[in-house]
Amino acid sequence: MNKAGNILIVSDMDVKKLEIYLLYKKREVIENMFDTYKTALNADKPYLQDDGGVFGHVFIAFLSLYVSFSIYPL
């Protein structure tokens, strides 16, 4: 544990320390979801010209992400 280091988390939330720590641990799961959204679904590269096409692309990618992670517990 001496070589692992410390992480300082500063918050003004009026909750217990354990709850803040658990919220911090969920951060990795959320970052993985965004990574999947950008890479696997190609949501960061819409090659569409009009607003409706971009909206449709992002909407379908969002639905796909939601379905794929609805079975993944946070």
PDB file of N, CA and C in Angstrom:
ATOM      1  N   MET A   1       0.810  -1.195   0.000  1.00  0.00           N
ATOM      2  CA  MET A   1       0.000   0.000   0.000  1.00  0.00           C
ATOM      3  C   MET A   1       0.861   1.271   0.000  1.00  0.00           C
ATOM      4  N   ASN A   2       2.082   1.182   0.504  1.00  0.00           N
ATOM      5  CA  ASN A   2       2.930   2.370   0.526  1.00  0.00           C
ATOM      6  C   ASN A   2       3.309   2.823  -0.878  1.00  0.00           C
ATOM      7  N   LYS A   3       3.414   1.893  -1.812  1.00  0.00           N
ATOM      8  CA  LYS A   3       3.796   2.244  -3.175  1.00  0.00           C
ATOM      9  C   LYS A   3       2.598   2.598  -4.043  1.00  0.00           C
ATOM     10  N   ALA A   4       1.403   2.321  -3.563  1.00  0.00           N
ATOM     11  CA  ALA A   4       0.207   2.585  -4.363  1.00  0.00           C
ATOM     12  C   ALA A   4      -0.094   4.070  -4.458  1.00  0.00           C
ATOM     13  N   GLY A   5       0.205   4.821  -3.433  1.00  0.00           N
ATOM     14  CA  GLY A   5      -0.048   6.258  -3.465  1.00  0.00           C
ATOM     15  C   GLY A   5      -1.426   6.596  -2.902  1.00  0.00           C
ATOM     16  N   ASN A   6      -1.734   7.864  -2.949  1.00  0.00           N
ATOM     17  CA  ASN A   6      -2.998   8.369  -2.434  1.00  0.00           C
ATOM     18  C   ASN A   6      -3.696   9.173  -3.504  1.00  0.00           C
ATOM     19  N   ILE A   7      -5.010   9.189  -3.418  1.00  0.00           N
ATOM     20  CA  ILE A   7      -5.817  10.010  -4.307  1.00  0.00           C
ATOM     21  C   ILE A   7      -6.593  10.980  -3.430  1.00  0.00           C
ATOM     22  N   LEU A   8      -6.485  12.258  -3.721  1.00  0.00           N
ATOM     23  CA  LEU A   8      -7.200  13.278  -2.978  1.00  0.00           C
ATOM     24  C   LEU A   8      -8.458  13.639  -3.741  1.00  0.00           C
ATOM     25  N   ILE A   9      -9.595  13.482  -3.107  1.00  0.00           N
ATOM     26  CA  ILE A   9     -10.870  13.836  -3.714  1.00  0.00           C
ATOM     27  C   ILE A   9     -11.487  14.930  -2.848  1.00  0.00           C
ATOM     28  N   VAL A  10     -11.713  16.075  -3.453  1.00  0.00           N
ATOM     29  CA  VAL A  10     -12.304  17.203  -2.751  1.00  0.00           C
ATOM     30  C   VAL A  10     -13.720  17.383  -3.265  1.00  0.00           C
ATOM     31  N   SER A  11     -14.658  17.478  -2.344  1.00  0.00           N
ATOM     32  CA  SER A  11     -16.051  17.620  -2.732  1.00  0.00           C
ATOM     33  C   SER A  11     -16.791  18.473  -1.717  1.00  0.00           C
ATOM     34  N   ASP A  12     -17.784  19.187  -2.194  1.00  0.00           N
ATOM     35  CA  ASP A  12     -18.624  19.948  -1.280  1.00  0.00           C
ATOM     36  C   ASP A  12     -19.978  19.260  -1.075  1.00  0.00           C
ATOM     37  N   MET A  13     -20.077  18.013  -1.516  1.00  0.00           N
ATOM     38  CA  MET A  13     -21.308  17.247  -1.336  1.00  0.00           C
ATOM     39  C   MET A  13     -21.444  16.850   0.133  1.00  0.00           C
ATOM     40  N   ASP A  14     -22.659  16.861   0.619  1.00  0.00           N
ATOM     41  CA  ASP A  14     -22.926  16.516   2.007  1.00  0.00           C
ATOM     42  C   ASP A  14     -23.334  15.039   2.095  1.00  0.00           C
ATOM     43  N   VAL A  15     -22.391  14.155   1.755  1.00  0.00           N
ATOM     44  CA  VAL A  15     -22.635  12.713   1.800  1.00  0.00           C
ATOM     45  C   VAL A  15     -21.451  12.037   2.481  1.00  0.00           C
ATOM     46  N   LYS A  16     -21.610  10.739   2.723  1.00  0.00           N
ATOM     47  CA  LYS A  16     -20.547   9.985   3.388  1.00  0.00           C
ATOM     48  C   LYS A  16     -19.352   9.789   2.459  1.00  0.00           C
ATOM     49  N   LYS A  17     -18.205   9.557   3.065  1.00  0.00           N
ATOM     50  CA  LYS A  17     -16.970   9.361   2.311  1.00  0.00           C
ATOM     51  C   LYS A  17     -17.063   8.158   1.378  1.00  0.00           C
ATOM     52  N   LEU A  18     -17.704   7.093   1.842  1.00  0.00           N
ATOM     53  CA  LEU A  18     -17.813   5.891   1.025  1.00  0.00           C
ATOM     54  C   LEU A  18     -18.621   6.150  -0.236  1.00  0.00           C
ATOM     55  N   GLU A  19     -19.672   6.949  -0.132  1.00  0.00           N
ATOM     56  CA  GLU A  19     -20.492   7.250  -1.306  1.00  0.00           C
ATOM     57  C   GLU A  19     -19.705   8.048  -2.342  1.00  0.00           C
ATOM     58  N   ILE A  20     -18.897   8.980  -1.887  1.00  0.00           N
ATOM     59  CA  ILE A  20     -18.039   9.746  -2.807  1.00  0.00           C
ATOM     60  C   ILE A  20     -17.058   8.804  -3.499  1.00  0.00           C
ATOM     61  N   TYR A  21     -16.471   7.889  -2.745  1.00  0.00           N
ATOM     62  CA  TYR A  21     -15.514   6.945  -3.313  1.00  0.00           C
ATOM     63  C   TYR A  21     -16.184   6.042  -4.345  1.00  0.00           C
ATOM     64  N   LEU A  22     -17.397   5.567  -4.068  1.00  0.00           N
ATOM     65  CA  LEU A  22     -18.105   4.714  -5.016  1.00  0.00           C
ATOM     66  C   LEU A  22     -18.467   5.476  -6.284  1.00  0.00           C
ATOM     67  N   LEU A  23     -18.815   6.749  -6.148  1.00  0.00           N
ATOM     68  CA  LEU A  23     -19.065   7.564  -7.337  1.00  0.00           C
ATOM     69  C   LEU A  23     -17.801   7.690  -8.178  1.00  0.00           C
ATOM     70  N   TYR A  24     -16.668   7.848  -7.528  1.00  0.00           N
ATOM     71  CA  TYR A  24     -15.396   7.940  -8.252  1.00  0.00           C
ATOM     72  C   TYR A  24     -15.090   6.635  -8.980  1.00  0.00           C
ATOM     73  N   LYS A  25     -15.383   5.506  -8.355  1.00  0.00           N
ATOM     74  CA  LYS A  25     -15.125   4.220  -8.996  1.00  0.00           C
ATOM     75  C   LYS A  25     -16.011   4.019 -10.215  1.00  0.00           C
ATOM     76  N   LYS A  26     -17.219   4.560 -10.225  1.00  0.00           N
ATOM     77  CA  LYS A  26     -18.115   4.436 -11.383  1.00  0.00           C
ATOM     78  C   LYS A  26     -17.608   5.231 -12.576  1.00  0.00           C
ATOM     79  N   ARG A  27     -16.709   6.156 -12.335  1.00  0.00           N
ATOM     80  CA  ARG A  27     -16.170   6.997 -13.403  1.00  0.00           C
ATOM     81  C   ARG A  27     -15.527   6.162 -14.510  1.00  0.00           C
ATOM     82  N   GLU A  28     -14.831   5.100 -14.143  1.00  0.00           N
ATOM     83  CA  GLU A  28     -14.178   4.249 -15.138  1.00  0.00           C
ATOM     84  C   GLU A  28     -15.204   3.579 -16.049  1.00  0.00           C
ATOM     85  N   VAL A  29     -16.299   3.139 -15.468  1.00  0.00           N
ATOM     86  CA  VAL A  29     -17.349   2.499 -16.262  1.00  0.00           C
ATOM     87  C   VAL A  29     -17.923   3.492 -17.265  1.00  0.00           C
ATOM     88  N   ILE A  30     -18.152   4.714 -16.828  1.00  0.00           N
ATOM     89  CA  ILE A  30     -18.711   5.731 -17.710  1.00  0.00           C
ATOM     90  C   ILE A  30     -17.719   6.086 -18.814  1.00  0.00           C
ATOM     91  N   GLU A  31     -16.442   6.174 -18.485  1.00  0.00           N
ATOM     92  CA  GLU A  31     -15.430   6.449 -19.508  1.00  0.00           C
ATOM     93  C   GLU A  31     -15.370   5.321 -20.531  1.00  0.00           C
ATOM     94  N   ASN A  32     -15.530   4.079 -20.093  1.00  0.00           N
ATOM     95  CA  ASN A  32     -15.564   2.953 -21.033  1.00  0.00           C
ATOM     96  C   ASN A  32     -16.782   3.032 -21.936  1.00  0.00           C
ATOM     97  N   MET A  33     -17.907   3.490 -21.402  1.00  0.00           N
ATOM     98  CA  MET A  33     -19.107   3.646 -22.234  1.00  0.00           C
ATOM     99  C   MET A  33     -18.874   4.695 -23.318  1.00  0.00           C
ATOM    100  N   PHE A  34     -18.281   5.820 -22.956  1.00  0.00           N
ATOM    101  CA  PHE A  34     -17.991   6.843 -23.955  1.00  0.00           C
ATOM    102  C   PHE A  34     -16.979   6.352 -24.978  1.00  0.00           C
ATOM    103  N   ASP A  35     -16.003   5.569 -24.549  1.00  0.00           N
ATOM    104  CA  ASP A  35     -15.030   5.016 -25.486  1.00  0.00           C
ATOM    105  C   ASP A  35     -15.712   4.091 -26.485  1.00  0.00           C
ATOM    106  N   THR A  36     -16.619   3.253 -25.986  1.00  0.00           N
ATOM    107  CA  THR A  36     -17.387   2.382 -26.874  1.00  0.00           C
ATOM    108  C   THR A  36     -18.233   3.199 -27.826  1.00  0.00           C
ATOM    109  N   TYR A  37     -18.848   4.258 -27.313  1.00  0.00           N
ATOM    110  CA  TYR A  37     -19.684   5.127 -28.136  1.00  0.00           C
ATOM    111  C   TYR A  37     -18.880   5.745 -29.280  1.00  0.00           C
ATOM    112  N   LYS A  38     -17.662   6.169 -28.981  1.00  0.00           N
ATOM    113  CA  LYS A  38     -16.855   6.832 -29.999  1.00  0.00           C
ATOM    114  C   LYS A  38     -16.193   5.857 -30.961  1.00  0.00           C
ATOM    115  N   THR A  39     -15.715   4.714 -30.470  1.00  0.00           N
ATOM    116  CA  THR A  39     -14.938   3.828 -31.332  1.00  0.00           C
ATOM    117  C   THR A  39     -15.792   2.760 -32.005  1.00  0.00           C
ATOM    118  N   ALA A  40     -16.467   1.953 -31.218  1.00  0.00           N
ATOM    119  CA  ALA A  40     -17.207   0.825 -31.789  1.00  0.00           C
ATOM    120  C   ALA A  40     -18.388   1.292 -32.624  1.00  0.00           C
ATOM    121  N   LEU A  41     -19.027   2.380 -32.229  1.00  0.00           N
ATOM    122  CA  LEU A  41     -20.191   2.862 -32.963  1.00  0.00           C
ATOM    123  C   LEU A  41     -19.855   3.962 -33.948  1.00  0.00           C
ATOM    124  N   ASN A  42     -18.594   4.349 -34.021  1.00  0.00           N
ATOM    125  CA  ASN A  42     -18.137   5.410 -34.928  1.00  0.00           C
ATOM    126  C   ASN A  42     -18.946   6.691 -34.760  1.00  0.00           C
ATOM    127  N   ALA A  43     -19.292   7.026 -33.539  1.00  0.00           N
ATOM    128  CA  ALA A  43     -20.114   8.212 -33.291  1.00  0.00           C
ATOM    129  C   ALA A  43     -19.311   9.500 -33.393  1.00  0.00           C
ATOM    130  N   ASP A  44     -18.005   9.419 -33.407  1.00  0.00           N
ATOM    131  CA  ASP A  44     -17.210  10.639 -33.507  1.00  0.00           C
ATOM    132  C   ASP A  44     -16.894  11.016 -34.949  1.00  0.00           C
ATOM    133  N   LYS A  45     -17.369  10.230 -35.928  1.00  0.00           N
ATOM    134  CA  LYS A  45     -17.054  10.504 -37.322  1.00  0.00           C
ATOM    135  C   LYS A  45     -18.292  10.468 -38.214  1.00  0.00           C
ATOM    136  N   PRO A  46     -19.281  11.283 -37.946  1.00  0.00           N
ATOM    137  CA  PRO A  46     -20.427  11.283 -38.868  1.00  0.00           C
ATOM    138  C   PRO A  46     -20.079  12.034 -40.158  1.00  0.00           C
ATOM    139  N   TYR A  47     -20.115  11.328 -41.267  1.00  0.00           N
ATOM    140  CA  TYR A  47     -19.777  11.926 -42.563  1.00  0.00           C
ATOM    141  C   TYR A  47     -21.047  12.379 -43.279  1.00  0.00           C
ATOM    142  N   LEU A  48     -21.919  13.021 -42.555  1.00  0.00           N
ATOM    143  CA  LEU A  48     -23.188  13.437 -43.115  1.00  0.00           C
ATOM    144  C   LEU A  48     -23.200  14.950 -43.286  1.00  0.00           C
ATOM    145  N   GLN A  49     -23.969  15.418 -44.257  1.00  0.00           N
ATOM    146  CA  GLN A  49     -23.941  16.838 -44.598  1.00  0.00           C
ATOM    147  C   GLN A  49     -25.047  17.655 -43.932  1.00  0.00           C
ATOM    148  N   ASP A  50     -26.217  17.066 -43.735  1.00  0.00           N
ATOM    149  CA  ASP A  50     -27.324  17.863 -43.200  1.00  0.00           C
ATOM    150  C   ASP A  50     -27.573  17.559 -41.721  1.00  0.00           C
ATOM    151  N   ASP A  51     -28.290  18.441 -41.063  1.00  0.00           N
ATOM    152  CA  ASP A  51     -28.534  18.314 -39.628  1.00  0.00           C
ATOM    153  C   ASP A  51     -29.363  17.083 -39.300  1.00  0.00           C
ATOM    154  N   GLY A  52     -30.330  16.769 -40.134  1.00  0.00           N
ATOM    155  CA  GLY A  52     -31.181  15.597 -39.888  1.00  0.00           C
ATOM    156  C   GLY A  52     -30.388  14.301 -39.928  1.00  0.00           C
ATOM    157  N   GLY A  53     -29.461  14.196 -40.856  1.00  0.00           N
ATOM    158  CA  GLY A  53     -28.630  13.001 -40.945  1.00  0.00           C
ATOM    159  C   GLY A  53     -27.711  12.840 -39.752  1.00  0.00           C
ATOM    160  N   VAL A  54     -27.128  13.940 -39.301  1.00  0.00           N
ATOM    161  CA  VAL A  54     -26.255  13.893 -38.117  1.00  0.00           C
ATOM    162  C   VAL A  54     -27.070  13.522 -36.888  1.00  0.00           C
ATOM    163  N   PHE A  55     -28.253  14.128 -36.736  1.00  0.00           N
ATOM    164  CA  PHE A  55     -29.109  13.807 -35.597  1.00  0.00           C
ATOM    165  C   PHE A  55     -29.493  12.331 -35.607  1.00  0.00           C
ATOM    166  N   GLY A  56     -29.872  11.813 -36.774  1.00  0.00           N
ATOM    167  CA  GLY A  56     -30.243  10.400 -36.881  1.00  0.00           C
ATOM    168  C   GLY A  56     -29.078   9.480 -36.539  1.00  0.00           C
ATOM    169  N   HIS A  57     -27.894   9.827 -37.011  1.00  0.00           N
ATOM    170  CA  HIS A  57     -26.706   9.013 -36.733  1.00  0.00           C
ATOM    171  C   HIS A  57     -26.403   8.985 -35.240  1.00  0.00           C
ATOM    172  N   VAL A  58     -26.429  10.143 -34.603  1.00  0.00           N
ATOM    173  CA  VAL A  58     -26.138  10.214 -33.173  1.00  0.00           C
ATOM    174  C   VAL A  58     -27.238   9.520 -32.374  1.00  0.00           C
ATOM    175  N   PHE A  59     -28.491   9.662 -32.796  1.00  0.00           N
ATOM    176  CA  PHE A  59     -29.602   9.036 -32.084  1.00  0.00           C
ATOM    177  C   PHE A  59     -29.514   7.512 -32.137  1.00  0.00           C
ATOM    178  N   ILE A  60     -29.247   6.960 -33.299  1.00  0.00           N
ATOM    179  CA  ILE A  60     -29.116   5.503 -33.438  1.00  0.00           C
ATOM    180  C   ILE A  60     -27.898   5.002 -32.672  1.00  0.00           C
ATOM    181  N   ALA A  61     -26.798   5.745 -32.704  1.00  0.00           N
ATOM    182  CA  ALA A  61     -25.619   5.342 -31.942  1.00  0.00           C
ATOM    183  C   ALA A  61     -25.909   5.377 -30.442  1.00  0.00           C
ATOM    184  N   PHE A  62     -26.667   6.389 -29.998  1.00  0.00           N
ATOM    185  CA  PHE A  62     -27.040   6.468 -28.591  1.00  0.00           C
ATOM    186  C   PHE A  62     -27.926   5.294 -28.195  1.00  0.00           C
ATOM    187  N   LEU A  63     -28.909   4.968 -29.012  1.00  0.00           N
ATOM    188  CA  LEU A  63     -29.766   3.814 -28.709  1.00  0.00           C
ATOM    189  C   LEU A  63     -28.962   2.519 -28.662  1.00  0.00           C
ATOM    190  N   SER A  64     -28.026   2.370 -29.572  1.00  0.00           N
ATOM    191  CA  SER A  64     -27.179   1.176 -29.574  1.00  0.00           C
ATOM    192  C   SER A  64     -26.344   1.096 -28.311  1.00  0.00           C
ATOM    193  N   LEU A  65     -25.799   2.222 -27.891  1.00  0.00           N
ATOM    194  CA  LEU A  65     -25.011   2.260 -26.667  1.00  0.00           C
ATOM    195  C   LEU A  65     -25.880   1.948 -25.461  1.00  0.00           C
ATOM    196  N   TYR A  66     -27.074   2.498 -25.430  1.00  0.00           N
ATOM    197  CA  TYR A  66     -27.985   2.261 -24.309  1.00  0.00           C
ATOM    198  C   TYR A  66     -28.349   0.788 -24.193  1.00  0.00           C
ATOM    199  N   VAL A  67     -28.652   0.166 -25.318  1.00  0.00           N
ATOM    200  CA  VAL A  67     -29.006  -1.258 -25.306  1.00  0.00           C
ATOM    201  C   VAL A  67     -27.812  -2.110 -24.902  1.00  0.00           C
ATOM    202  N   SER A  68     -26.636  -1.777 -25.431  1.00  0.00           N
ATOM    203  CA  SER A  68     -25.466  -2.602 -25.119  1.00  0.00           C
ATOM    204  C   SER A  68     -25.057  -2.499 -23.657  1.00  0.00           C
ATOM    205  N   PHE A  69     -25.267  -1.358 -23.028  1.00  0.00           N
ATOM    206  CA  PHE A  69     -24.890  -1.209 -21.638  1.00  0.00           C
ATOM    207  C   PHE A  69     -26.042  -1.365 -20.674  1.00  0.00           C
ATOM    208  N   SER A  70     -27.256  -1.624 -21.163  1.00  0.00           N
ATOM    209  CA  SER A  70     -28.373  -1.855 -20.240  1.00  0.00           C
ATOM    210  C   SER A  70     -28.208  -3.179 -19.502  1.00  0.00           C
ATOM    211  N   ILE A  71     -27.440  -4.093 -20.090  1.00  0.00           N
ATOM    212  CA  ILE A  71     -27.192  -5.364 -19.409  1.00  0.00           C
ATOM    213  C   ILE A  71     -25.935  -5.303 -18.553  1.00  0.00           C
ATOM    214  N   TYR A  72     -25.188  -4.198 -18.661  1.00  0.00           N
ATOM    215  CA  TYR A  72     -23.955  -4.032 -17.898  1.00  0.00           C
ATOM    216  C   TYR A  72     -24.249  -3.207 -16.642  1.00  0.00           C
ATOM    217  N   PRO A  73     -24.161  -3.801 -15.445  1.00  0.00           N
ATOM    218  CA  PRO A  73     -24.511  -3.041 -14.242  1.00  0.00           C
ATOM    219  C   PRO A  73     -23.428  -2.032 -13.876  1.00  0.00           C
ATOM    220  N   LEU A  74     -23.864  -0.884 -13.378  1.00  0.00           N
ATOM    221  CA  LEU A  74     -22.920   0.138 -12.937  1.00  0.00           C
ATOM    222  C   LEU A  74     -22.398  -0.163 -11.568  1.00  0.00           C
TER     223      LEU A  74
END
